[in-house]
Amino acid sequence: MNAPLALARVCVASVALLTVAGCGGGGTKAPRLSAAAGNTAAANGSQSAQGSSGSVPSSAAAAGPAAAPHACTLVTQQEATAALGADKGAGQESAPGVPGVGDCVYGTTTGAGVRLTVDASGVGKAIYDGDRSSYPTGSTADIPGVGDAAFEITTSTSQVTLYFYKGGTFVSITLDTGAATGSPKDKVVALATAAAGRV
């Protein structure tokens, strides 16, 4: 047998063995992470980049662009804390283990918090266009420089939602500061700019 063919068979067998070893185990299925988040977890020596509570540590969020990001990797805990003026703890993901489609909440689902929705299934512009057309004319404002296109809508003096898409990924970010001290628009734009850089 020639050396290249033997080497190819060894490589295929090694990949198959690693795949089986990674998939087998104790009855619980580990959540899939984007390559960037997984590499960050390995570099930090952690057991998993996502804990059993569904939270993703901010080290995974700082990993950079990924093909199918988890919602909690688009905005770090530190960024959410800066926007809210208080640490609300690690982000809680509503669909852990499903990369590219899900929600993340820093804080609570109502009241003060940062809430993200991401859909990286490839139809980002269609979702964006549908959301944009659902609001009355004049109630939205374009936000240049975030993703391929972005707009925001202010729902109260303390709450702003920004929608954007980049490539096939759609993201919405709602920032509710819980205080009527003026619009949090600049803060939500900063969050969205950071998130778009990670898409």
N, C-alpha and C. Protein backbone atom coordinates (compact mmCIF):
# COMPACT_ATOMS: atom_id res chain seq x y z
N MET A 1 0.86 -1.17 0.00
CA MET A 1 0.00 0.00 0.00
C MET A 1 0.90 1.22 0.00
N ASN A 2 0.53 2.27 -0.75
CA ASN A 2 1.40 3.44 -0.80
C ASN A 2 1.18 4.33 0.42
N ALA A 3 2.18 5.14 0.75
CA ALA A 3 2.18 5.96 1.97
C ALA A 3 1.05 6.98 2.00
N PRO A 4 0.76 7.73 0.89
CA PRO A 4 -0.33 8.71 0.96
C PRO A 4 -1.68 8.08 1.25
N LEU A 5 -1.97 6.91 0.67
CA LEU A 5 -3.25 6.24 0.90
C LEU A 5 -3.34 5.78 2.35
N ALA A 6 -2.26 5.24 2.89
CA ALA A 6 -2.26 4.80 4.28
C ALA A 6 -2.46 5.98 5.22
N LEU A 7 -1.80 7.10 4.93
CA LEU A 7 -1.95 8.30 5.75
C LEU A 7 -3.38 8.81 5.70
N ALA A 8 -3.99 8.80 4.53
CA ALA A 8 -5.38 9.25 4.38
C ALA A 8 -6.31 8.39 5.22
N ARG A 9 -6.08 7.04 5.21
CA ARG A 9 -6.94 6.15 5.99
C ARG A 9 -6.79 6.41 7.49
N VAL A 10 -5.57 6.68 7.93
CA VAL A 10 -5.33 6.97 9.35
C VAL A 10 -6.05 8.26 9.74
N CYS A 11 -5.96 9.27 8.87
CA CYS A 11 -6.63 10.55 9.16
C CYS A 11 -8.13 10.38 9.25
N VAL A 12 -8.73 9.64 8.31
CA VAL A 12 -10.18 9.40 8.32
C VAL A 12 -10.57 8.64 9.58
N ALA A 13 -9.81 7.62 9.94
CA ALA A 13 -10.11 6.84 11.14
C ALA A 13 -10.00 7.70 12.38
N SER A 14 -9.01 8.59 12.43
CA SER A 14 -8.84 9.47 13.59
C SER A 14 -10.01 10.42 13.73
N VAL A 15 -10.46 11.00 12.62
CA VAL A 15 -11.60 11.92 12.65
C VAL A 15 -12.84 11.18 13.11
N ALA A 16 -13.06 9.97 12.58
CA ALA A 16 -14.22 9.19 12.98
C ALA A 16 -14.17 8.86 14.47
N LEU A 17 -13.02 8.48 14.98
CA LEU A 17 -12.86 8.17 16.39
C LEU A 17 -13.13 9.38 17.26
N LEU A 18 -12.59 10.53 16.87
CA LEU A 18 -12.82 11.76 17.63
C LEU A 18 -14.29 12.15 17.60
N THR A 19 -14.93 11.97 16.48
CA THR A 19 -16.35 12.30 16.36
C THR A 19 -17.18 11.42 17.28
N VAL A 20 -16.92 10.11 17.28
CA VAL A 20 -17.66 9.19 18.13
C VAL A 20 -17.39 9.51 19.59
N ALA A 21 -16.13 9.76 19.94
CA ALA A 21 -15.78 10.06 21.34
C ALA A 21 -16.45 11.35 21.79
N GLY A 22 -16.54 12.32 20.92
CA GLY A 22 -17.15 13.59 21.29
C GLY A 22 -18.66 13.50 21.41
N CYS A 23 -19.28 12.54 20.71
CA CYS A 23 -20.74 12.44 20.72
C CYS A 23 -21.26 11.48 21.76
N GLY A 24 -20.45 10.54 22.22
CA GLY A 24 -20.94 9.56 23.17
C GLY A 24 -20.97 10.14 24.56
N GLY A 25 -21.45 9.38 25.50
CA GLY A 25 -21.33 9.84 26.86
C GLY A 25 -22.57 9.65 27.67
N GLY A 26 -22.61 10.44 28.74
CA GLY A 26 -23.51 10.24 29.84
C GLY A 26 -24.92 10.68 29.68
N GLY A 27 -25.51 10.64 28.53
CA GLY A 27 -26.93 10.88 28.41
C GLY A 27 -27.33 12.33 28.27
N THR A 28 -26.44 13.27 28.54
CA THR A 28 -26.77 14.67 28.34
C THR A 28 -26.01 15.17 27.14
N LYS A 29 -26.69 15.91 26.34
CA LYS A 29 -26.09 16.41 25.12
C LYS A 29 -25.49 17.78 25.40
N ALA A 30 -24.20 17.92 25.18
CA ALA A 30 -23.54 19.20 25.38
C ALA A 30 -24.00 20.18 24.31
N PRO A 31 -24.22 21.45 24.66
CA PRO A 31 -24.64 22.42 23.67
C PRO A 31 -23.55 22.67 22.64
N ARG A 32 -23.96 22.81 21.39
CA ARG A 32 -23.02 23.16 20.33
C ARG A 32 -22.69 24.64 20.46
N LEU A 33 -21.45 24.97 20.27
CA LEU A 33 -21.03 26.35 20.30
C LEU A 33 -20.43 26.72 18.97
N SER A 34 -20.41 28.00 18.68
CA SER A 34 -19.70 28.44 17.49
C SER A 34 -18.23 28.11 17.66
N ALA A 35 -17.52 27.99 16.57
CA ALA A 35 -16.10 27.67 16.64
C ALA A 35 -15.34 28.68 17.47
N ALA A 36 -15.68 29.95 17.33
CA ALA A 36 -14.97 30.99 18.08
C ALA A 36 -15.22 30.84 19.58
N ALA A 37 -16.46 30.58 19.98
CA ALA A 37 -16.76 30.42 21.40
C ALA A 37 -16.09 29.17 21.95
N GLY A 38 -16.10 28.09 21.18
CA GLY A 38 -15.46 26.86 21.63
C GLY A 38 -13.96 27.05 21.78
N ASN A 39 -13.33 27.74 20.85
CA ASN A 39 -11.89 27.98 20.94
C ASN A 39 -11.56 28.83 22.15
N THR A 40 -12.40 29.81 22.46
CA THR A 40 -12.16 30.66 23.63
C THR A 40 -12.26 29.83 24.90
N ALA A 41 -13.26 28.94 24.97
CA ALA A 41 -13.41 28.11 26.16
C ALA A 41 -12.20 27.22 26.33
N ALA A 42 -11.72 26.65 25.24
CA ALA A 42 -10.55 25.78 25.33
C ALA A 42 -9.33 26.58 25.76
N ALA A 43 -9.19 27.78 25.23
CA ALA A 43 -8.04 28.61 25.57
C ALA A 43 -8.07 29.01 27.04
N ASN A 44 -9.26 29.16 27.59
CA ASN A 44 -9.37 29.54 28.99
C ASN A 44 -9.33 28.34 29.92
N GLY A 45 -9.30 27.13 29.35
CA GLY A 45 -9.22 25.93 30.16
C GLY A 45 -10.52 25.59 30.86
N SER A 46 -11.63 26.13 30.41
CA SER A 46 -12.89 25.85 31.08
C SER A 46 -13.47 24.54 30.58
N GLN A 47 -14.31 23.93 31.40
CA GLN A 47 -14.96 22.68 31.03
C GLN A 47 -15.91 22.90 29.87
N SER A 48 -16.66 24.00 29.89
CA SER A 48 -17.67 24.27 28.87
C SER A 48 -17.82 25.76 28.75
N ALA A 49 -18.04 26.26 27.52
CA ALA A 49 -18.23 27.70 27.34
C ALA A 49 -19.64 28.10 27.72
N GLN A 50 -20.49 27.12 28.06
CA GLN A 50 -21.85 27.46 28.46
C GLN A 50 -22.20 26.63 29.67
N GLY A 51 -22.60 27.27 30.74
CA GLY A 51 -22.91 26.58 31.97
C GLY A 51 -24.27 25.93 31.92
N SER A 52 -24.60 25.17 32.97
CA SER A 52 -25.87 24.47 33.01
C SER A 52 -27.03 25.43 33.15
N SER A 53 -26.79 26.66 33.58
CA SER A 53 -27.87 27.63 33.71
C SER A 53 -28.24 28.25 32.38
N GLY A 54 -27.49 27.93 31.33
CA GLY A 54 -27.79 28.52 30.03
C GLY A 54 -27.04 29.81 29.81
N SER A 55 -26.16 30.19 30.73
CA SER A 55 -25.42 31.44 30.55
C SER A 55 -24.13 31.17 29.80
N VAL A 56 -23.69 32.18 29.07
CA VAL A 56 -22.45 32.09 28.33
C VAL A 56 -21.51 33.13 28.91
N PRO A 57 -20.32 32.73 29.39
CA PRO A 57 -19.43 33.70 29.98
C PRO A 57 -18.98 34.75 28.98
N SER A 58 -18.65 35.93 29.48
CA SER A 58 -18.26 37.01 28.59
C SER A 58 -17.00 36.72 27.81
N SER A 59 -16.17 35.79 28.27
CA SER A 59 -14.99 35.43 27.48
C SER A 59 -15.40 34.85 26.14
N ALA A 60 -16.51 34.12 26.10
CA ALA A 60 -17.00 33.59 24.83
C ALA A 60 -17.53 34.73 23.97
N ALA A 61 -18.13 35.73 24.58
CA ALA A 61 -18.68 36.84 23.82
C ALA A 61 -17.59 37.66 23.16
N ALA A 62 -16.42 37.70 23.75
CA ALA A 62 -15.35 38.52 23.19
C ALA A 62 -14.57 37.80 22.10
N ALA A 63 -15.02 36.59 21.74
CA ALA A 63 -14.27 35.77 20.81
C ALA A 63 -14.23 36.33 19.39
N GLY A 64 -15.21 37.10 19.00
CA GLY A 64 -15.21 37.67 17.65
C GLY A 64 -16.23 37.03 16.76
N PRO A 65 -16.11 37.25 15.43
CA PRO A 65 -17.11 36.79 14.49
C PRO A 65 -17.26 35.27 14.51
N ALA A 66 -18.47 34.80 14.26
CA ALA A 66 -18.76 33.38 14.20
C ALA A 66 -19.87 33.16 13.19
N ALA A 67 -19.90 31.99 12.59
CA ALA A 67 -20.90 31.69 11.57
C ALA A 67 -22.29 31.59 12.17
N ALA A 68 -22.43 31.02 13.35
CA ALA A 68 -23.73 30.85 13.97
C ALA A 68 -23.63 31.17 15.45
N PRO A 69 -23.66 32.45 15.80
CA PRO A 69 -23.43 32.84 17.20
C PRO A 69 -24.61 32.54 18.11
N HIS A 70 -24.32 32.26 19.35
CA HIS A 70 -25.35 32.23 20.39
C HIS A 70 -25.69 33.68 20.70
N ALA A 71 -26.93 33.92 21.08
CA ALA A 71 -27.37 35.29 21.36
C ALA A 71 -26.52 35.95 22.44
N CYS A 72 -26.15 35.20 23.48
CA CYS A 72 -25.39 35.78 24.59
C CYS A 72 -23.93 36.05 24.24
N THR A 73 -23.48 35.64 23.06
CA THR A 73 -22.11 35.96 22.67
C THR A 73 -22.02 37.27 21.89
N LEU A 74 -23.15 37.88 21.60
CA LEU A 74 -23.13 39.11 20.81
C LEU A 74 -22.94 40.36 21.66
N VAL A 75 -23.35 40.32 22.91
CA VAL A 75 -23.15 41.43 23.85
C VAL A 75 -22.58 40.83 25.13
N THR A 76 -21.47 41.38 25.61
CA THR A 76 -20.84 40.84 26.82
C THR A 76 -21.58 41.32 28.07
N GLN A 77 -21.36 40.63 29.16
CA GLN A 77 -21.92 41.04 30.44
C GLN A 77 -21.42 42.44 30.81
N GLN A 78 -20.15 42.70 30.52
CA GLN A 78 -19.59 44.01 30.83
C GLN A 78 -20.27 45.12 30.01
N GLU A 79 -20.55 44.84 28.74
CA GLU A 79 -21.23 45.83 27.91
C GLU A 79 -22.66 46.08 28.39
N ALA A 80 -23.36 45.00 28.77
CA ALA A 80 -24.72 45.15 29.29
C ALA A 80 -24.70 45.94 30.60
N THR A 81 -23.72 45.65 31.45
CA THR A 81 -23.59 46.38 32.72
C THR A 81 -23.37 47.86 32.49
N ALA A 82 -22.50 48.20 31.54
CA ALA A 82 -22.23 49.61 31.23
C ALA A 82 -23.48 50.30 30.72
N ALA A 83 -24.24 49.63 29.88
CA ALA A 83 -25.46 50.22 29.32
C ALA A 83 -26.54 50.42 30.38
N LEU A 84 -26.63 49.48 31.32
CA LEU A 84 -27.67 49.52 32.35
C LEU A 84 -27.26 50.33 33.58
N GLY A 85 -25.97 50.50 33.77
CA GLY A 85 -25.50 51.19 34.97
C GLY A 85 -25.50 50.29 36.19
N ALA A 86 -25.75 49.00 36.01
CA ALA A 86 -25.75 48.03 37.10
C ALA A 86 -25.51 46.65 36.52
N ASP A 87 -24.82 45.81 37.27
CA ASP A 87 -24.54 44.44 36.82
C ASP A 87 -25.76 43.58 37.07
N LYS A 88 -26.33 43.04 36.01
CA LYS A 88 -27.51 42.17 36.12
C LYS A 88 -27.13 40.70 36.05
N GLY A 89 -25.83 40.41 36.07
CA GLY A 89 -25.38 39.03 36.03
C GLY A 89 -25.18 38.53 34.62
N ALA A 90 -24.85 37.26 34.51
CA ALA A 90 -24.60 36.64 33.21
C ALA A 90 -25.89 36.59 32.39
N GLY A 91 -25.74 36.65 31.09
CA GLY A 91 -26.90 36.54 30.21
C GLY A 91 -27.53 35.17 30.30
N GLN A 92 -28.84 35.12 30.23
CA GLN A 92 -29.59 33.86 30.25
C GLN A 92 -30.15 33.61 28.86
N GLU A 93 -29.76 32.50 28.27
CA GLU A 93 -30.18 32.18 26.92
C GLU A 93 -31.42 31.31 26.94
N SER A 94 -32.42 31.66 26.12
CA SER A 94 -33.67 30.92 26.15
C SER A 94 -33.61 29.64 25.33
N ALA A 95 -32.69 29.56 24.40
CA ALA A 95 -32.59 28.35 23.58
C ALA A 95 -31.15 27.85 23.57
N PRO A 96 -30.60 27.50 24.75
CA PRO A 96 -29.21 27.07 24.77
C PRO A 96 -29.02 25.81 23.93
N GLY A 97 -27.90 25.75 23.24
CA GLY A 97 -27.59 24.60 22.42
C GLY A 97 -28.06 24.70 20.98
N VAL A 98 -28.74 25.77 20.64
CA VAL A 98 -29.19 25.97 19.27
C VAL A 98 -28.46 27.20 18.72
N PRO A 99 -27.26 27.01 18.18
CA PRO A 99 -26.49 28.17 17.74
C PRO A 99 -27.18 28.90 16.60
N GLY A 100 -27.15 30.20 16.71
CA GLY A 100 -27.65 31.03 15.62
C GLY A 100 -29.09 31.44 15.76
N VAL A 101 -29.88 30.76 16.59
CA VAL A 101 -31.28 31.14 16.76
C VAL A 101 -31.58 31.12 18.25
N GLY A 102 -31.98 32.25 18.79
CA GLY A 102 -32.30 32.27 20.21
C GLY A 102 -32.39 33.66 20.77
N ASP A 103 -32.59 33.70 22.08
CA ASP A 103 -32.74 34.95 22.82
C ASP A 103 -31.76 34.94 23.98
N CYS A 104 -31.39 36.13 24.43
CA CYS A 104 -30.53 36.28 25.60
C CYS A 104 -31.04 37.47 26.40
N VAL A 105 -31.07 37.32 27.70
CA VAL A 105 -31.54 38.40 28.57
C VAL A 105 -30.50 38.65 29.66
N TYR A 106 -30.08 39.90 29.78
CA TYR A 106 -29.29 40.36 30.92
C TYR A 106 -30.28 41.15 31.77
N GLY A 107 -30.60 40.67 32.94
CA GLY A 107 -31.60 41.32 33.77
C GLY A 107 -32.88 40.51 33.74
N THR A 108 -34.00 41.19 33.50
CA THR A 108 -35.29 40.51 33.48
C THR A 108 -35.97 40.71 32.12
N THR A 109 -36.96 39.87 31.85
CA THR A 109 -37.67 39.99 30.58
C THR A 109 -38.59 41.20 30.55
N THR A 110 -38.93 41.71 31.72
CA THR A 110 -39.68 42.98 31.81
C THR A 110 -38.91 43.86 32.79
N GLY A 111 -38.94 45.13 32.58
CA GLY A 111 -38.18 46.04 33.43
C GLY A 111 -36.76 46.19 32.94
N ALA A 112 -35.90 46.69 33.82
CA ALA A 112 -34.52 47.00 33.44
C ALA A 112 -33.79 45.77 32.95
N GLY A 113 -33.20 45.89 31.77
CA GLY A 113 -32.44 44.78 31.21
C GLY A 113 -32.06 45.02 29.77
N VAL A 114 -31.23 44.12 29.27
CA VAL A 114 -30.86 44.09 27.86
C VAL A 114 -31.39 42.77 27.32
N ARG A 115 -32.19 42.84 26.26
CA ARG A 115 -32.77 41.65 25.66
C ARG A 115 -32.36 41.57 24.19
N LEU A 116 -31.79 40.44 23.79
CA LEU A 116 -31.33 40.24 22.41
C LEU A 116 -32.08 39.07 21.79
N THR A 117 -32.35 39.20 20.50
CA THR A 117 -32.86 38.10 19.70
C THR A 117 -31.96 37.99 18.49
N VAL A 118 -31.56 36.77 18.15
CA VAL A 118 -30.72 36.56 16.98
C VAL A 118 -31.29 35.43 16.15
N ASP A 119 -31.26 35.61 14.84
CA ASP A 119 -31.64 34.56 13.90
C ASP A 119 -30.60 34.55 12.79
N ALA A 120 -29.72 33.56 12.82
CA ALA A 120 -28.66 33.44 11.83
C ALA A 120 -28.97 32.33 10.82
N SER A 121 -30.25 32.15 10.54
CA SER A 121 -30.66 31.07 9.64
C SER A 121 -30.54 31.45 8.17
N GLY A 122 -30.07 32.67 7.89
CA GLY A 122 -29.85 33.07 6.50
C GLY A 122 -30.91 33.99 5.93
N VAL A 123 -31.93 34.30 6.71
CA VAL A 123 -33.02 35.15 6.20
C VAL A 123 -33.09 36.49 6.95
N GLY A 124 -31.92 36.98 7.36
CA GLY A 124 -31.85 38.21 8.14
C GLY A 124 -32.54 39.41 7.52
N LYS A 125 -32.32 39.64 6.24
CA LYS A 125 -32.93 40.80 5.58
C LYS A 125 -34.44 40.67 5.52
N ALA A 126 -34.95 39.48 5.26
CA ALA A 126 -36.40 39.28 5.20
C ALA A 126 -37.05 39.55 6.56
N ILE A 127 -36.43 39.08 7.63
CA ILE A 127 -36.97 39.35 8.97
C ILE A 127 -36.91 40.84 9.26
N TYR A 128 -35.77 41.46 8.95
CA TYR A 128 -35.60 42.90 9.15
C TYR A 128 -36.68 43.68 8.39
N ASP A 129 -36.86 43.36 7.10
CA ASP A 129 -37.86 44.07 6.29
C ASP A 129 -39.26 43.89 6.86
N GLY A 130 -39.57 42.67 7.33
CA GLY A 130 -40.89 42.41 7.92
C GLY A 130 -41.11 43.22 9.18
N ASP A 131 -40.10 43.27 10.04
CA ASP A 131 -40.22 44.07 11.27
C ASP A 131 -40.33 45.55 10.94
N ARG A 132 -39.53 46.00 9.99
CA ARG A 132 -39.54 47.42 9.62
C ARG A 132 -40.92 47.83 9.11
N SER A 133 -41.53 46.99 8.28
CA SER A 133 -42.83 47.35 7.69
C SER A 133 -43.97 47.22 8.70
N SER A 134 -43.74 46.57 9.84
CA SER A 134 -44.81 46.40 10.83
C SER A 134 -45.04 47.65 11.67
N TYR A 135 -44.12 48.61 11.62
CA TYR A 135 -44.27 49.84 12.40
C TYR A 135 -44.84 50.95 11.53
N PRO A 136 -45.65 51.83 12.12
CA PRO A 136 -46.22 52.94 11.35
C PRO A 136 -45.13 53.86 10.79
N THR A 137 -45.39 54.43 9.65
CA THR A 137 -44.47 55.37 9.03
C THR A 137 -44.17 56.50 10.01
N GLY A 138 -42.91 56.86 10.12
CA GLY A 138 -42.49 57.94 11.00
C GLY A 138 -42.19 57.53 12.43
N SER A 139 -42.46 56.27 12.79
CA SER A 139 -42.21 55.85 14.17
C SER A 139 -40.82 55.25 14.36
N THR A 140 -40.10 55.07 13.27
CA THR A 140 -38.77 54.47 13.34
C THR A 140 -37.72 55.48 12.87
N ALA A 141 -36.49 55.23 13.23
CA ALA A 141 -35.38 56.08 12.77
C ALA A 141 -34.25 55.18 12.29
N ASP A 142 -33.73 55.47 11.10
CA ASP A 142 -32.59 54.72 10.57
C ASP A 142 -31.36 55.01 11.42
N ILE A 143 -30.54 53.98 11.60
CA ILE A 143 -29.29 54.10 12.36
C ILE A 143 -28.16 53.69 11.42
N PRO A 144 -27.42 54.65 10.89
CA PRO A 144 -26.33 54.31 9.97
C PRO A 144 -25.14 53.69 10.71
N GLY A 145 -24.41 52.84 9.98
CA GLY A 145 -23.16 52.30 10.52
C GLY A 145 -23.29 51.05 11.35
N VAL A 146 -24.49 50.48 11.46
CA VAL A 146 -24.68 49.24 12.22
C VAL A 146 -25.14 48.16 11.25
N GLY A 147 -24.32 47.13 11.06
CA GLY A 147 -24.66 46.04 10.15
C GLY A 147 -24.87 46.55 8.73
N ASP A 148 -25.68 45.82 7.96
CA ASP A 148 -26.01 46.23 6.60
C ASP A 148 -27.09 47.31 6.59
N ALA A 149 -27.96 47.28 7.57
CA ALA A 149 -29.01 48.30 7.75
C ALA A 149 -29.53 48.16 9.17
N ALA A 150 -29.96 49.27 9.75
CA ALA A 150 -30.47 49.25 11.12
C ALA A 150 -31.50 50.35 11.30
N PHE A 151 -32.46 50.09 12.20
CA PHE A 151 -33.41 51.13 12.61
C PHE A 151 -33.73 50.92 14.07
N GLU A 152 -34.23 51.98 14.69
CA GLU A 152 -34.61 51.88 16.10
C GLU A 152 -36.00 52.45 16.28
N ILE A 153 -36.62 51.98 17.35
CA ILE A 153 -37.91 52.52 17.75
C ILE A 153 -37.87 52.74 19.25
N THR A 154 -38.30 53.93 19.66
CA THR A 154 -38.35 54.27 21.08
C THR A 154 -39.75 53.96 21.58
N THR A 155 -39.86 53.06 22.54
CA THR A 155 -41.16 52.68 23.05
C THR A 155 -41.54 53.38 24.34
N SER A 156 -40.55 53.94 25.03
CA SER A 156 -40.81 54.74 26.24
C SER A 156 -39.57 55.58 26.49
N THR A 157 -39.61 56.40 27.51
CA THR A 157 -38.45 57.24 27.82
C THR A 157 -37.26 56.43 28.29
N SER A 158 -37.50 55.18 28.71
CA SER A 158 -36.40 54.36 29.19
C SER A 158 -36.14 53.13 28.32
N GLN A 159 -36.90 52.97 27.24
CA GLN A 159 -36.75 51.75 26.44
C GLN A 159 -36.64 52.05 24.95
N VAL A 160 -35.60 51.48 24.33
CA VAL A 160 -35.37 51.60 22.89
C VAL A 160 -35.04 50.21 22.37
N THR A 161 -35.58 49.89 21.19
CA THR A 161 -35.22 48.64 20.53
C THR A 161 -34.56 48.98 19.20
N LEU A 162 -33.44 48.34 18.94
CA LEU A 162 -32.71 48.52 17.68
C LEU A 162 -32.71 47.19 16.93
N TYR A 163 -33.07 47.25 15.66
CA TYR A 163 -33.10 46.08 14.78
C TYR A 163 -32.04 46.26 13.72
N PHE A 164 -31.28 45.19 13.43
CA PHE A 164 -30.34 45.26 12.31
C PHE A 164 -30.17 43.89 11.69
N TYR A 165 -29.66 43.90 10.48
CA TYR A 165 -29.24 42.64 9.87
C TYR A 165 -27.87 42.84 9.28
N LYS A 166 -27.14 41.74 9.23
CA LYS A 166 -25.81 41.73 8.62
C LYS A 166 -25.68 40.40 7.91
N GLY A 167 -25.55 40.46 6.60
CA GLY A 167 -25.55 39.23 5.82
C GLY A 167 -26.89 38.54 6.01
N GLY A 168 -26.88 37.27 6.37
CA GLY A 168 -28.11 36.53 6.59
C GLY A 168 -28.57 36.51 8.03
N THR A 169 -27.94 37.30 8.90
CA THR A 169 -28.25 37.28 10.32
C THR A 169 -29.07 38.51 10.72
N PHE A 170 -30.14 38.27 11.46
CA PHE A 170 -30.99 39.32 12.00
C PHE A 170 -30.78 39.40 13.51
N VAL A 171 -30.71 40.62 14.04
CA VAL A 171 -30.55 40.82 15.48
C VAL A 171 -31.45 41.96 15.93
N SER A 172 -32.11 41.78 17.06
CA SER A 172 -32.80 42.90 17.71
C SER A 172 -32.27 43.00 19.13
N ILE A 173 -32.10 44.23 19.58
CA ILE A 173 -31.61 44.48 20.94
C ILE A 173 -32.51 45.51 21.58
N THR A 174 -33.11 45.15 22.70
CA THR A 174 -33.93 46.08 23.47
C THR A 174 -33.17 46.45 24.73
N LEU A 175 -33.05 47.74 24.96
CA LEU A 175 -32.42 48.23 26.19
C LEU A 175 -33.48 48.97 26.98
N ASP A 176 -33.74 48.50 28.18
CA ASP A 176 -34.67 49.16 29.09
C ASP A 176 -33.87 49.53 30.33
N THR A 177 -33.61 50.83 30.49
CA THR A 177 -32.80 51.28 31.63
C THR A 177 -33.60 51.33 32.92
N GLY A 178 -34.92 51.24 32.81
CA GLY A 178 -35.75 51.24 34.01
C GLY A 178 -35.86 52.60 34.67
N ALA A 179 -35.32 53.63 34.04
CA ALA A 179 -35.37 54.97 34.62
C ALA A 179 -35.78 55.96 33.55
N ALA A 180 -36.59 56.90 33.91
CA ALA A 180 -37.07 57.91 32.96
C ALA A 180 -36.12 59.10 32.94
N THR A 181 -34.86 58.84 32.63
CA THR A 181 -33.85 59.91 32.64
C THR A 181 -33.40 60.26 31.23
N GLY A 182 -34.23 60.02 30.27
CA GLY A 182 -33.87 60.30 28.89
C GLY A 182 -33.70 59.01 28.11
N SER A 183 -33.67 59.15 26.81
CA SER A 183 -33.60 58.00 25.92
C SER A 183 -32.25 57.28 26.03
N PRO A 184 -32.28 55.96 26.09
CA PRO A 184 -31.05 55.18 26.11
C PRO A 184 -30.54 54.89 24.69
N LYS A 185 -30.93 55.71 23.72
CA LYS A 185 -30.60 55.45 22.31
C LYS A 185 -29.10 55.26 22.08
N ASP A 186 -28.27 56.18 22.58
CA ASP A 186 -26.83 56.06 22.35
C ASP A 186 -26.27 54.76 22.90
N LYS A 187 -26.80 54.31 24.04
CA LYS A 187 -26.32 53.07 24.65
C LYS A 187 -26.72 51.85 23.82
N VAL A 188 -27.94 51.83 23.30
CA VAL A 188 -28.37 50.68 22.50
C VAL A 188 -27.63 50.66 21.17
N VAL A 189 -27.30 51.83 20.63
CA VAL A 189 -26.51 51.89 19.39
C VAL A 189 -25.12 51.32 19.65
N ALA A 190 -24.53 51.63 20.79
CA ALA A 190 -23.21 51.09 21.13
C ALA A 190 -23.27 49.56 21.28
N LEU A 191 -24.33 49.05 21.91
CA LEU A 191 -24.49 47.60 22.05
C LEU A 191 -24.63 46.95 20.67
N ALA A 192 -25.45 47.55 19.81
CA ALA A 192 -25.68 46.98 18.48
C ALA A 192 -24.42 47.03 17.63
N THR A 193 -23.64 48.09 17.75
CA THR A 193 -22.40 48.19 17.00
C THR A 193 -21.44 47.07 17.42
N ALA A 194 -21.35 46.83 18.72
CA ALA A 194 -20.51 45.73 19.22
C ALA A 194 -21.03 44.40 18.72
N ALA A 195 -22.34 44.19 18.79
CA ALA A 195 -22.95 42.93 18.36
C ALA A 195 -22.71 42.69 16.86
N ALA A 196 -22.87 43.73 16.06
CA ALA A 196 -22.68 43.60 14.60
C ALA A 196 -21.24 43.21 14.28
N GLY A 197 -20.30 43.67 15.09
CA GLY A 197 -18.90 43.29 14.89
C GLY A 197 -18.63 41.83 15.19
N ARG A 198 -19.54 41.17 15.89
CA ARG A 198 -19.38 39.76 16.26
C ARG A 198 -20.21 38.83 15.37
N VAL A 199 -20.99 39.40 14.49
CA VAL A 199 -21.82 38.57 13.60
C VAL A 199 -20.97 38.13 12.43
